[in-house]
Amino acid sequence: MKKRIKRLVRWSSLLPFFLFFEAMVKLFHYEEFFKVVGHTLKDWGIFSFLLSPNGLILVSTAWVTALIIGPDIWKRLPQHTFKGHIRLRTWIDESERHEILHARLLRCKPKEKVRFISFTGKSVLLPEEVPGKRLKDEPFPRAVDLGATFQGLLLDPQSIEAKFRSLIETPDTEEEERLLQRHARQVARLPAVYDQAGISEGDTRQNVQLKYISLGLQFSLWLFDDVALIEPYHFGRRDAIGNLCEFAQMIIPSSDINYNLLENHFDNLWNHAPTRPVWPSKQTVTAP
């Protein structure tokens, strides 16, 4: 907090420049420039407002707010921007797809419970390697290492839907080498992969429970205690995108009644639908 106050005081010294700018406009009659090009400041309503006392107050308030929130504003988006409102977020580039999810995962606390539904979960659980970045520093592994707990439902790779989807997604490829099946095999090795990355296999097995399911996957879902993120599933494909899992993302705060529906949807599947574990739990054998 002290650092933010210091930053606020330091940057507040720029506020006089706004007043200086307004004075210069009035002193040198810059309005004449707009008249030359066929407009007046009154016609350019936004300029007229920003140069008014109310406009300066608005700009100053926005400036101070940005300084208080600080440079980590993206990490706080789910908490500040989406609180109390359902939002629809579209994206174009694949790299933008998980921005909000990653930001929320980075805020996970020890023992926090997170539930999710995904076809394989590979892009979040086992993201592609980035030069110079360790796996355990990625948002999901980091949360696991921190002690957050996860319950995940993944599409059974042997189900009819998985086989049909993989055929559409990766045609002219042997079934075992199709994208969905490959990713499912990689995720099934998650405890061993994390162990090599410095997150103990025991901690992964304890903190991450994954089940295969063959029904009820109409959308991907990430349920945090304050927000839910969903994307509808479909069989369409964007140009230059290799998989089928692209759609606009809906952000639903926990204060909205629809959050309860999503929570109930997950619980019904987790507790009552036919499932099988992604990896068998290791039982401790006690010698007689």
Protein backbone atom coordinates (compact mmCIF):
# COMPACT_ATOMS: atom_id res chain seq x y z
CA MET A 1 0.00 0.00 0.00
CA LYS A 2 2.86 2.40 0.82
CA LYS A 3 4.36 1.82 -2.63
CA ARG A 4 1.02 2.66 -4.26
CA ILE A 5 0.72 5.88 -2.25
CA LYS A 6 4.25 6.88 -3.30
CA ARG A 7 3.44 6.08 -6.92
CA LEU A 8 0.24 8.12 -6.67
CA VAL A 9 2.08 11.14 -5.26
CA ARG A 10 4.82 10.86 -7.88
CA TRP A 11 2.52 10.62 -10.87
CA SER A 12 0.03 13.15 -9.54
CA SER A 13 2.65 15.78 -10.35
CA LEU A 14 1.54 15.39 -13.98
CA LEU A 15 -1.94 16.71 -13.25
CA PRO A 16 -0.87 20.37 -13.63
CA PHE A 17 0.00 19.59 -17.25
CA PHE A 18 -3.68 18.95 -17.93
CA LEU A 19 -4.48 22.41 -16.55
CA PHE A 20 -1.61 23.91 -18.56
CA PHE A 21 -2.93 22.25 -21.71
CA GLU A 22 -6.39 23.72 -21.18
CA ALA A 23 -4.92 27.17 -20.56
CA MET A 24 -2.87 27.00 -23.78
CA VAL A 25 -5.91 26.02 -25.80
CA LYS A 26 -7.85 28.99 -24.49
CA LEU A 27 -4.90 31.42 -24.67
CA PHE A 28 -3.92 30.70 -28.26
CA HIS A 29 -7.43 30.01 -29.51
CA TYR A 30 -6.72 26.57 -30.87
CA GLU A 31 -10.43 26.40 -31.60
CA GLU A 32 -9.59 28.28 -34.79
CA PHE A 33 -7.74 25.22 -36.07
CA PHE A 34 -10.90 23.18 -35.98
CA LYS A 35 -12.82 25.98 -37.70
CA VAL A 36 -10.28 25.92 -40.54
CA VAL A 37 -11.00 22.27 -41.20
CA GLY A 38 -14.73 22.89 -41.03
CA HIS A 39 -15.38 21.97 -37.38
CA THR A 40 -15.59 23.71 -34.05
CA LEU A 41 -14.76 22.31 -30.65
CA LYS A 42 -18.49 22.19 -30.03
CA ASP A 43 -18.87 19.94 -33.07
CA TRP A 44 -16.05 17.76 -31.77
CA GLY A 45 -18.01 17.00 -28.61
CA ILE A 46 -15.41 14.75 -27.04
CA PHE A 47 -12.73 17.44 -27.27
CA SER A 48 -15.07 20.04 -25.83
CA PHE A 49 -15.90 17.81 -22.90
CA LEU A 50 -12.32 16.78 -22.14
CA LEU A 51 -11.23 20.43 -22.07
CA SER A 52 -14.02 21.40 -19.68
CA PRO A 53 -13.62 21.32 -15.88
CA ASN A 54 -15.80 18.20 -15.70
CA GLY A 55 -13.69 16.56 -18.36
CA LEU A 56 -10.50 17.29 -16.46
CA ILE A 57 -12.04 15.84 -13.30
CA LEU A 58 -12.98 12.68 -15.19
CA VAL A 59 -9.50 12.29 -16.70
CA SER A 60 -7.86 12.95 -13.35
CA THR A 61 -10.07 10.39 -11.61
CA ALA A 62 -9.32 7.76 -14.24
CA TRP A 63 -5.60 8.52 -13.92
CA VAL A 64 -5.65 8.15 -10.12
CA THR A 65 -7.69 4.94 -10.34
CA ALA A 66 -5.22 3.40 -12.77
CA LEU A 67 -2.34 4.29 -10.45
CA ILE A 68 -4.08 2.76 -7.44
CA ILE A 69 -4.94 -0.47 -9.22
CA GLY A 70 -1.38 -0.72 -10.44
CA PRO A 71 0.32 -2.59 -13.31
CA ASP A 72 -1.22 -5.94 -12.36
CA ILE A 73 -4.67 -4.87 -13.54
CA TRP A 74 -4.93 -7.87 -15.92
CA LYS A 75 -4.48 -10.25 -13.02
CA ARG A 76 -7.41 -8.55 -11.29
CA LEU A 77 -9.80 -8.48 -14.24
CA PRO A 78 -12.11 -11.25 -13.05
CA GLN A 79 -12.34 -9.62 -9.63
CA HIS A 80 -12.83 -5.98 -10.66
CA THR A 81 -14.18 -5.81 -14.19
CA PHE A 82 -16.58 -8.71 -14.24
CA LYS A 83 -17.98 -8.52 -10.73
CA GLY A 84 -21.77 -8.55 -10.81
CA HIS A 85 -22.16 -8.75 -14.60
CA ILE A 86 -22.20 -11.52 -17.19
CA ARG A 87 -19.72 -10.67 -19.95
CA LEU A 88 -19.11 -12.14 -23.38
CA ARG A 89 -15.47 -12.08 -24.46
CA THR A 90 -14.41 -12.76 -28.02
CA TRP A 91 -10.88 -13.38 -29.18
CA ILE A 92 -9.10 -13.86 -32.48
CA ASP A 93 -5.61 -15.18 -31.83
CA GLU A 94 -5.12 -18.54 -30.08
CA SER A 95 -2.69 -16.92 -27.65
CA GLU A 96 -5.52 -14.73 -26.30
CA ARG A 97 -7.86 -17.60 -25.56
CA HIS A 98 -6.76 -18.37 -21.99
CA GLU A 99 -5.81 -14.86 -20.83
CA ILE A 100 -8.65 -14.52 -18.31
CA LEU A 101 -8.33 -18.14 -17.16
CA HIS A 102 -4.59 -17.79 -16.63
CA ALA A 103 -5.07 -14.53 -14.75
CA ARG A 104 -7.53 -16.19 -12.38
CA LEU A 105 -5.34 -19.27 -11.91
CA LEU A 106 -2.48 -17.01 -10.87
CA ARG A 107 -4.67 -15.75 -8.03
CA CYS A 108 -5.42 -19.23 -6.66
CA LYS A 109 -4.73 -19.71 -2.98
CA PRO A 110 -3.68 -22.83 -1.05
CA LYS A 111 -6.61 -25.20 -0.47
CA GLU A 112 -8.81 -23.23 -2.88
CA LYS A 113 -11.12 -25.62 -4.74
CA VAL A 114 -11.48 -25.30 -8.50
CA ARG A 115 -13.70 -27.47 -10.72
CA PHE A 116 -13.51 -27.76 -14.49
CA ILE A 117 -14.83 -29.58 -17.55
CA SER A 118 -12.71 -29.95 -20.67
CA PHE A 119 -12.14 -32.36 -23.55
CA THR A 120 -8.53 -33.06 -22.59
CA GLY A 121 -7.41 -29.98 -20.64
CA LYS A 122 -4.01 -30.29 -22.26
CA SER A 123 -3.53 -26.64 -23.27
CA VAL A 124 -3.97 -25.54 -19.63
CA LEU A 125 -2.65 -28.52 -17.67
CA LEU A 126 0.32 -29.17 -19.95
CA PRO A 127 0.95 -26.04 -22.03
CA GLU A 128 3.52 -26.00 -24.79
CA GLU A 129 7.05 -25.31 -23.60
CA VAL A 130 8.20 -21.72 -23.70
CA PRO A 131 11.97 -21.15 -23.93
CA GLY A 132 13.32 -19.86 -20.64
CA LYS A 133 10.12 -20.61 -18.69
CA ARG A 134 9.73 -23.56 -16.35
CA LEU A 135 6.62 -25.73 -16.45
CA LYS A 136 5.99 -25.20 -12.74
CA ASP A 137 5.78 -21.45 -13.34
CA GLU A 138 2.84 -21.84 -15.73
CA PRO A 139 -0.52 -20.83 -14.18
CA PHE A 140 -2.07 -24.28 -13.63
CA PRO A 141 1.05 -26.15 -12.43
CA ARG A 142 1.89 -23.16 -10.23
CA ALA A 143 -1.54 -23.36 -8.58
CA VAL A 144 -1.11 -27.11 -8.03
CA ASP A 145 2.30 -26.57 -6.48
CA LEU A 146 0.85 -23.85 -4.27
CA GLY A 147 -1.72 -26.28 -2.90
CA ALA A 148 -4.93 -25.40 -4.74
CA THR A 149 -7.15 -28.43 -5.36
CA PHE A 150 -8.78 -29.33 -8.67
CA GLN A 151 -11.59 -31.62 -9.76
CA GLY A 152 -11.73 -32.11 -13.53
CA LEU A 153 -14.02 -33.98 -15.90
CA LEU A 154 -12.42 -34.91 -19.24
CA LEU A 155 -13.98 -36.48 -22.30
CA ASP A 156 -13.35 -40.23 -22.32
CA PRO A 157 -10.99 -40.74 -25.30
CA GLN A 158 -12.64 -44.12 -25.96
CA SER A 159 -16.17 -42.68 -26.15
CA ILE A 160 -18.18 -42.37 -29.37
CA GLU A 161 -18.12 -38.57 -29.20
CA ALA A 162 -14.34 -38.49 -28.72
CA LYS A 163 -13.75 -40.76 -31.71
CA PHE A 164 -16.10 -38.77 -33.94
CA ARG A 165 -14.65 -35.44 -32.81
CA SER A 166 -11.09 -36.61 -33.36
CA LEU A 167 -12.04 -37.80 -36.85
CA ILE A 168 -13.38 -34.34 -37.76
CA GLU A 169 -10.51 -32.59 -36.04
CA THR A 170 -7.64 -34.69 -37.43
CA PRO A 171 -8.78 -36.53 -40.55
CA ASP A 172 -6.56 -38.87 -42.56
CA THR A 173 -4.73 -39.85 -39.37
CA GLU A 174 -4.63 -43.14 -37.53
CA GLU A 175 -6.98 -43.04 -34.55
CA GLU A 176 -4.27 -43.35 -31.89
CA GLU A 177 -2.34 -40.47 -33.44
CA ARG A 178 -5.25 -38.04 -33.72
CA LEU A 179 -5.00 -34.81 -31.76
CA LEU A 180 -7.54 -35.63 -29.05
CA GLN A 181 -6.12 -39.09 -28.35
CA ARG A 182 -2.54 -37.77 -28.25
CA HIS A 183 -3.44 -35.03 -25.81
CA ALA A 184 -5.40 -37.44 -23.63
CA ARG A 185 -2.37 -39.72 -23.34
CA GLN A 186 -0.14 -36.79 -22.39
CA VAL A 187 -2.54 -35.59 -19.68
CA ALA A 188 -2.81 -39.14 -18.31
CA ARG A 189 0.91 -38.86 -17.49
CA LEU A 190 0.45 -35.57 -15.62
CA PRO A 191 1.76 -36.74 -12.20
CA ALA A 192 4.98 -38.08 -13.74
CA VAL A 193 5.50 -35.01 -15.92
CA TYR A 194 4.93 -32.65 -13.01
CA ASP A 195 7.28 -34.74 -10.86
CA GLN A 196 10.06 -34.19 -13.41
CA ALA A 197 9.26 -30.47 -13.33
CA GLY A 198 9.71 -30.26 -9.57
CA ILE A 199 6.12 -30.80 -8.35
CA SER A 200 5.99 -34.07 -6.43
CA GLU A 201 3.87 -36.83 -7.92
CA GLY A 202 2.19 -37.32 -4.56
CA ASP A 203 1.12 -33.67 -4.39
CA THR A 204 -0.26 -33.81 -7.93
CA ARG A 205 -2.29 -36.96 -7.22
CA GLN A 206 -3.59 -35.41 -4.02
CA ASN A 207 -4.43 -31.98 -5.44
CA VAL A 208 -5.69 -32.96 -8.91
CA GLN A 209 -8.56 -35.42 -9.32
CA LEU A 210 -9.42 -36.19 -12.94
CA LYS A 211 -12.22 -38.38 -14.26
CA TYR A 212 -13.13 -39.51 -17.75
CA ILE A 213 -16.77 -39.00 -18.72
CA SER A 214 -18.63 -39.69 -21.95
CA LEU A 215 -21.70 -37.43 -21.53
CA GLY A 216 -22.66 -33.93 -20.47
CA LEU A 217 -19.83 -32.02 -22.16
CA GLN A 218 -21.80 -29.30 -23.92
CA PHE A 219 -19.23 -26.67 -22.98
CA SER A 220 -15.90 -26.19 -21.30
CA LEU A 221 -16.23 -24.90 -17.76
CA TRP A 222 -13.93 -23.46 -15.11
CA LEU A 223 -15.60 -22.89 -11.74
CA PHE A 224 -13.79 -20.67 -9.25
CA ASP A 225 -15.31 -19.45 -6.01
CA ASP A 226 -15.92 -15.99 -7.49
CA VAL A 227 -16.40 -16.54 -11.21
CA ALA A 228 -17.22 -19.18 -13.85
CA LEU A 229 -15.75 -19.27 -17.37
CA ILE A 230 -17.52 -21.22 -20.11
CA GLU A 231 -17.08 -21.80 -23.85
CA PRO A 232 -19.66 -23.72 -25.92
CA TYR A 233 -18.40 -26.83 -27.71
CA HIS A 234 -19.13 -27.36 -31.40
CA PHE A 235 -17.82 -29.06 -34.53
CA GLY A 236 -16.97 -25.92 -36.51
CA ARG A 237 -13.44 -24.83 -37.31
CA ARG A 238 -11.76 -21.48 -37.79
CA ASP A 239 -9.27 -20.96 -40.57
CA ALA A 240 -5.67 -21.68 -39.54
CA ILE A 241 -6.77 -23.18 -36.19
CA GLY A 242 -5.94 -26.85 -35.70
CA ASN A 243 -8.59 -27.83 -33.16
CA LEU A 244 -12.33 -27.35 -32.74
CA CYS A 245 -12.37 -25.73 -29.29
CA GLU A 246 -12.75 -22.09 -30.31
CA PHE A 247 -15.71 -19.89 -29.39
CA ALA A 248 -16.53 -16.70 -27.53
CA GLN A 249 -16.05 -16.99 -23.78
CA MET A 250 -18.73 -16.17 -21.22
CA ILE A 251 -17.68 -14.84 -17.81
CA ILE A 252 -20.27 -15.35 -15.07
CA PRO A 253 -19.72 -13.94 -11.55
CA SER A 254 -20.73 -16.06 -8.56
CA SER A 255 -23.32 -13.41 -7.61
CA ASP A 256 -25.36 -14.30 -10.70
CA ILE A 257 -28.03 -17.01 -10.46
CA ASN A 258 -26.61 -18.74 -13.54
CA TYR A 259 -23.44 -19.50 -11.58
CA ASN A 260 -25.50 -21.79 -9.34
CA LEU A 261 -26.81 -23.64 -12.38
CA LEU A 262 -23.29 -24.28 -13.63
CA GLU A 263 -22.20 -25.41 -10.17
CA ASN A 264 -25.14 -27.82 -10.03
CA HIS A 265 -24.36 -29.04 -13.56
CA PHE A 266 -20.83 -29.97 -12.54
CA ASP A 267 -21.87 -31.57 -9.25
CA ASN A 268 -24.47 -33.75 -10.95
CA LEU A 269 -21.92 -35.03 -13.44
CA TRP A 270 -19.17 -35.48 -10.85
CA ASN A 271 -21.36 -37.29 -8.31
CA HIS A 272 -23.88 -39.20 -10.42
CA ALA A 273 -22.69 -39.73 -14.01
CA PRO A 274 -20.74 -42.85 -15.06
CA THR A 275 -17.03 -41.97 -14.87
CA ARG A 276 -13.65 -43.63 -14.53
CA PRO A 277 -10.42 -42.19 -13.08
CA VAL A 278 -7.82 -40.81 -15.47
CA TRP A 279 -5.15 -42.42 -13.29
CA PRO A 280 -5.74 -45.03 -10.58
CA SER A 281 -5.09 -43.83 -7.06
CA LYS A 282 -2.02 -45.39 -5.51
CA GLN A 283 -3.05 -47.40 -2.48
CA THR A 284 -0.68 -47.69 0.44
CA VAL A 285 -0.11 -51.37 1.25
CA THR A 286 0.48 -52.08 4.91
CA ALA A 287 2.60 -55.14 5.65
CA PRO A 288 0.91 -57.71 7.94
